[in-house]
């Protein structure tokens, strides 16, 4: 068995191994879950902000299930690496677990007596705490997405600093560039070109959009950045362009 697994790892990339798992290779599935436990524990600890003990912490179990779910739901067509995708899935599942756990505490027995009314939680304080936690969680989500987006930009030889410099200043120009990005993303052939070459198919794109070549060249980096957002599993970043460029 070990020799078979070694051959699968040697002959194929991680993405190809995940494809085999999706085809029903349970042996490889269990092997990958075991092999990537350190990766899972690290991803979970980044959410919990503390050391994660795989033998004791429930969050680690959530991470294992999320990693397994990521293997079965991953699609190489989206262009992101499996580990990049799995990391987002693991973190989001752990956050959802923590949120549910905190919002659904163990209910005390109705027969329980309190020695002092002050021991009872103040409903307003509880509400404020939940709202604060929700706000902090959403902020963390945004930071995580931005960090992942920053890493993804590097694959296209882009950076946040460049985007701030090249982003269209006028609203109409921005909307036009976002429309171009959507056109590329929804066009299968052009989308595959970008994912493979990490650049825009300028010759083909000129015939698909009513934008001059000069304008496309000027907004090339911004269009690529929007394409990345559309192609990745970014919940909050996509909110920024929702309804724009349609």
Protein backbone atom coordinates (compact mmCIF):
# COMPACT_ATOMS: atom_id res chain seq x y z
CA UNK A 1 0.00 0.00 0.00
CA UNK A 2 2.78 2.43 0.94
CA UNK A 3 4.50 1.78 -2.40
CA UNK A 4 1.25 2.46 -4.31
CA UNK A 5 0.72 5.75 -2.46
CA UNK A 6 4.33 6.78 -3.02
CA UNK A 7 3.93 6.14 -6.76
CA UNK A 8 0.75 8.26 -6.89
CA UNK A 9 2.54 11.13 -5.16
CA UNK A 10 5.59 10.77 -7.39
CA UNK A 11 3.63 10.59 -10.64
CA UNK A 12 1.06 13.29 -9.99
CA UNK A 13 0.68 16.77 -8.53
CA UNK A 14 -1.42 17.36 -5.43
CA UNK A 15 -4.24 18.62 -7.63
CA UNK A 16 -4.09 15.41 -9.67
CA UNK A 17 -4.14 13.34 -6.47
CA UNK A 18 -7.23 15.25 -5.31
CA UNK A 19 -8.86 14.40 -8.65
CA UNK A 20 -8.23 10.72 -7.89
CA UNK A 21 -9.85 11.18 -4.49
CA UNK A 22 -12.90 12.66 -6.21
CA UNK A 23 -13.02 9.55 -8.38
CA UNK A 24 -13.31 7.39 -5.25
CA UNK A 25 -9.74 6.59 -4.15
CA UNK A 26 -10.38 6.30 -0.40
CA UNK A 27 -6.90 4.98 0.31
CA UNK A 28 -5.34 8.11 -1.13
CA UNK A 29 -7.98 10.25 0.59
CA UNK A 30 -7.05 8.94 4.04
CA UNK A 31 -3.35 9.26 3.22
CA UNK A 32 -3.68 12.93 2.24
CA UNK A 33 -5.73 13.78 5.32
CA UNK A 34 -3.03 12.23 7.51
CA UNK A 35 -0.16 13.77 5.56
CA UNK A 36 -1.59 17.29 5.72
CA UNK A 37 -2.54 17.27 9.40
CA UNK A 38 0.25 19.79 10.20
CA UNK A 39 -1.12 22.08 7.47
CA UNK A 40 -4.64 21.68 8.88
CA UNK A 41 -3.49 22.34 12.45
CA UNK A 42 -1.63 25.48 11.35
CA UNK A 43 -4.68 26.78 9.46
CA UNK A 44 -6.91 26.13 12.48
CA UNK A 45 -4.45 27.76 14.89
CA UNK A 46 -4.40 30.91 12.73
CA UNK A 47 -8.13 31.20 13.36
CA UNK A 48 -8.05 30.34 17.06
CA UNK A 49 -4.92 32.42 17.73
CA UNK A 50 -3.45 29.66 19.89
CA UNK A 51 -1.70 26.31 19.73
CA UNK A 52 -4.03 23.55 18.55
CA UNK A 53 -3.73 20.12 20.18
CA UNK A 54 -4.92 17.54 17.60
CA UNK A 55 -5.76 15.10 20.39
CA UNK A 56 -7.93 17.47 22.43
CA UNK A 57 -9.24 20.45 20.47
CA UNK A 58 -12.60 20.08 18.73
CA UNK A 59 -11.56 22.77 16.26
CA UNK A 60 -8.94 20.40 14.84
CA UNK A 61 -11.64 17.80 14.13
CA UNK A 62 -13.62 20.50 12.32
CA UNK A 63 -10.49 21.28 10.32
CA UNK A 64 -10.05 17.64 9.32
CA UNK A 65 -13.64 17.42 8.09
CA UNK A 66 -13.27 20.72 6.24
CA UNK A 67 -10.06 19.53 4.53
CA UNK A 68 -11.87 16.37 3.45
CA UNK A 69 -14.78 18.47 2.16
CA UNK A 70 -12.31 20.68 0.28
CA UNK A 71 -10.89 17.63 -1.51
CA UNK A 72 -14.33 16.67 -2.78
CA UNK A 73 -15.43 20.19 -3.76
CA UNK A 74 -12.16 21.49 -5.27
CA UNK A 75 -12.20 22.43 -8.94
CA UNK A 76 -8.92 23.02 -10.75
CA UNK A 77 -10.85 25.05 -13.35
CA UNK A 78 -10.96 27.98 -10.94
CA UNK A 79 -7.21 28.38 -11.24
CA UNK A 80 -6.27 28.37 -7.57
CA UNK A 81 -4.04 25.73 -6.03
CA UNK A 82 -5.70 23.07 -3.90
CA UNK A 83 -3.91 24.12 -0.71
CA UNK A 84 -4.94 27.73 -1.21
CA UNK A 85 -8.54 26.61 -1.63
CA UNK A 86 -8.36 24.13 1.28
CA UNK A 87 -6.96 26.75 3.62
CA UNK A 88 -9.92 29.04 3.01
CA UNK A 89 -12.41 26.18 3.47
CA UNK A 90 -10.78 25.03 6.73
CA UNK A 91 -10.67 28.54 8.18
CA UNK A 92 -14.25 29.33 7.26
CA UNK A 93 -15.58 26.08 8.69
CA UNK A 94 -13.72 26.65 11.97
CA UNK A 95 -15.02 30.22 12.17
CA UNK A 96 -18.57 29.00 11.56
CA UNK A 97 -18.09 26.40 14.30
CA UNK A 98 -16.78 28.98 16.78
CA UNK A 99 -19.59 31.38 15.91
CA UNK A 100 -22.24 28.69 16.41
CA UNK A 101 -20.64 27.46 19.62
CA UNK A 102 -20.55 30.94 21.12
CA UNK A 103 -24.06 31.84 20.03
CA UNK A 104 -25.52 28.56 21.32
CA UNK A 105 -24.16 28.01 24.83
CA UNK A 106 -25.27 25.05 26.91
CA UNK A 107 -28.70 25.85 28.29
CA UNK A 108 -28.89 25.72 32.07
CA UNK A 109 -31.63 23.70 33.74
CA UNK A 110 -34.81 25.63 34.50
CA UNK A 111 -34.63 24.14 38.00
CA UNK A 112 -31.25 25.71 38.66
CA UNK A 113 -31.36 28.37 41.38
CA UNK A 114 -29.18 31.43 41.40
CA UNK A 115 -28.02 32.84 44.68
CA UNK A 116 -27.89 36.31 43.28
CA UNK A 117 -29.68 37.97 40.38
CA UNK A 118 -26.37 39.57 39.43
CA UNK A 119 -25.17 36.19 38.24
CA UNK A 120 -27.71 36.37 35.41
CA UNK A 121 -26.33 37.72 32.14
CA UNK A 122 -27.49 41.16 31.12
CA UNK A 123 -29.36 40.69 27.79
CA UNK A 124 -28.04 44.01 26.50
CA UNK A 125 -24.47 43.02 27.33
CA UNK A 126 -24.95 39.65 25.64
CA UNK A 127 -26.35 41.36 22.53
CA UNK A 128 -23.47 43.85 22.46
CA UNK A 129 -20.93 41.04 22.88
CA UNK A 130 -22.47 39.07 20.02
CA UNK A 131 -22.47 42.12 17.76
CA UNK A 132 -18.86 42.83 18.65
CA UNK A 133 -17.89 39.24 17.95
CA UNK A 134 -19.74 39.32 14.62
CA UNK A 135 -17.91 42.51 13.67
CA UNK A 136 -14.54 41.08 14.66
CA UNK A 137 -15.25 37.87 12.76
CA UNK A 138 -16.16 39.74 9.59
CA UNK A 139 -13.04 41.88 9.93
CA UNK A 140 -10.97 38.74 10.23
CA UNK A 141 -12.64 37.29 7.15
CA UNK A 142 -11.79 40.41 5.17
CA UNK A 143 -8.16 40.40 6.33
CA UNK A 144 -7.83 36.71 5.43
CA UNK A 145 -9.26 37.28 1.97
CA UNK A 146 -7.01 40.28 1.38
CA UNK A 147 -3.95 38.29 2.47
CA UNK A 148 -4.88 35.46 0.12
CA UNK A 149 -5.64 37.95 -2.66
CA UNK A 150 -2.22 39.52 -2.14
CA UNK A 151 -0.55 36.13 -2.60
CA UNK A 152 -2.64 35.44 -5.68
CA UNK A 153 -1.61 38.79 -7.21
CA UNK A 154 2.02 37.71 -7.03
CA UNK A 155 1.24 34.79 -9.35
CA UNK A 156 0.26 37.39 -11.95
CA UNK A 157 3.29 39.54 -11.12
CA UNK A 158 1.06 42.19 -9.56
CA UNK A 159 0.97 43.92 -6.18
CA UNK A 160 -1.42 46.05 -4.12
CA UNK A 161 0.85 49.04 -4.56
CA UNK A 162 0.62 48.75 -8.33
CA UNK A 163 -3.16 48.49 -8.17
CA UNK A 164 -3.46 51.71 -6.20
CA UNK A 165 -1.38 53.41 -8.86
CA UNK A 166 -3.09 51.99 -11.96
CA UNK A 167 -6.71 51.74 -10.78
CA UNK A 168 -8.96 53.99 -12.93
CA UNK A 169 -9.67 57.23 -11.13
CA UNK A 170 -13.08 57.91 -12.66
CA UNK A 171 -16.15 55.83 -11.87
CA UNK A 172 -17.11 55.25 -15.51
CA UNK A 173 -13.61 54.01 -16.30
CA UNK A 174 -13.64 51.65 -13.32
CA UNK A 175 -17.03 50.24 -14.28
CA UNK A 176 -15.85 49.76 -17.85
CA UNK A 177 -12.74 47.89 -16.66
CA UNK A 178 -14.83 45.67 -14.37
CA UNK A 179 -17.13 44.93 -17.29
CA UNK A 180 -14.10 43.84 -19.32
CA UNK A 181 -12.98 41.58 -16.49
CA UNK A 182 -16.45 40.00 -16.32
CA UNK A 183 -16.39 39.44 -20.07
CA UNK A 184 -13.08 37.60 -19.82
CA UNK A 185 -14.23 35.55 -16.84
CA UNK A 186 -17.48 34.41 -18.47
CA UNK A 187 -15.81 33.60 -21.79
CA UNK A 188 -14.48 30.05 -21.38
CA UNK A 189 -11.69 30.30 -23.93
CA UNK A 190 -10.39 33.64 -22.66
CA UNK A 191 -10.72 32.51 -19.03
CA UNK A 192 -8.61 29.43 -19.71
CA UNK A 193 -6.03 31.60 -21.48
CA UNK A 194 -5.68 33.89 -18.46
CA UNK A 195 -5.45 30.99 -16.01
CA UNK A 196 -2.74 29.35 -18.09
CA UNK A 197 -0.74 32.38 -19.26
CA UNK A 198 -1.43 34.74 -16.34
CA UNK A 199 -2.11 37.57 -18.79
CA UNK A 200 -4.99 38.93 -20.86
CA UNK A 201 -5.69 37.66 -24.40
CA UNK A 202 -5.47 41.15 -25.83
CA UNK A 203 -5.97 40.25 -29.51
CA UNK A 204 -9.15 38.31 -28.85
CA UNK A 205 -10.39 40.72 -26.19
CA UNK A 206 -10.30 43.69 -28.55
CA UNK A 207 -12.90 41.93 -30.70
CA UNK A 208 -15.11 41.11 -27.72
CA UNK A 209 -15.45 44.49 -26.00
CA UNK A 210 -16.14 48.03 -27.13
CA UNK A 211 -12.96 49.41 -25.61
CA UNK A 212 -9.91 50.70 -27.45
CA UNK A 213 -6.64 48.81 -27.39
CA UNK A 214 -4.97 51.79 -25.72
CA UNK A 215 -7.53 51.78 -22.89
CA UNK A 216 -7.21 48.01 -22.45
CA UNK A 217 -3.45 48.31 -22.20
CA UNK A 218 -3.75 51.12 -19.67
CA UNK A 219 -6.17 49.15 -17.46
CA UNK A 220 -4.63 45.72 -18.03
CA UNK A 221 -3.41 45.22 -14.44
CA UNK A 222 -6.66 46.40 -12.90
CA UNK A 223 -8.69 44.11 -15.17
CA UNK A 224 -6.50 41.16 -14.19
CA UNK A 225 -7.00 41.95 -10.49
CA UNK A 226 -10.78 42.00 -10.89
CA UNK A 227 -10.59 38.75 -12.86
CA UNK A 228 -8.77 37.13 -9.92
CA UNK A 229 -11.50 38.27 -7.51
CA UNK A 230 -14.20 36.86 -9.80
CA UNK A 231 -12.35 33.57 -10.18
CA UNK A 232 -11.60 32.97 -6.50
CA UNK A 233 -13.80 32.14 -3.52
CA UNK A 234 -13.79 35.66 -2.08
CA UNK A 235 -17.03 36.52 -0.32
CA UNK A 236 -16.22 40.03 0.88
CA UNK A 237 -14.04 41.20 -2.00
CA UNK A 238 -16.78 40.24 -4.43
CA UNK A 239 -19.16 42.50 -2.52
CA UNK A 240 -17.08 45.48 -3.64
CA UNK A 241 -17.87 44.77 -7.29
CA UNK A 242 -21.34 43.30 -6.93
CA UNK A 243 -23.64 44.72 -9.59
CA UNK A 244 -20.83 46.73 -11.21
CA UNK A 245 -19.94 46.20 -14.84
CA UNK A 246 -22.93 43.98 -15.60
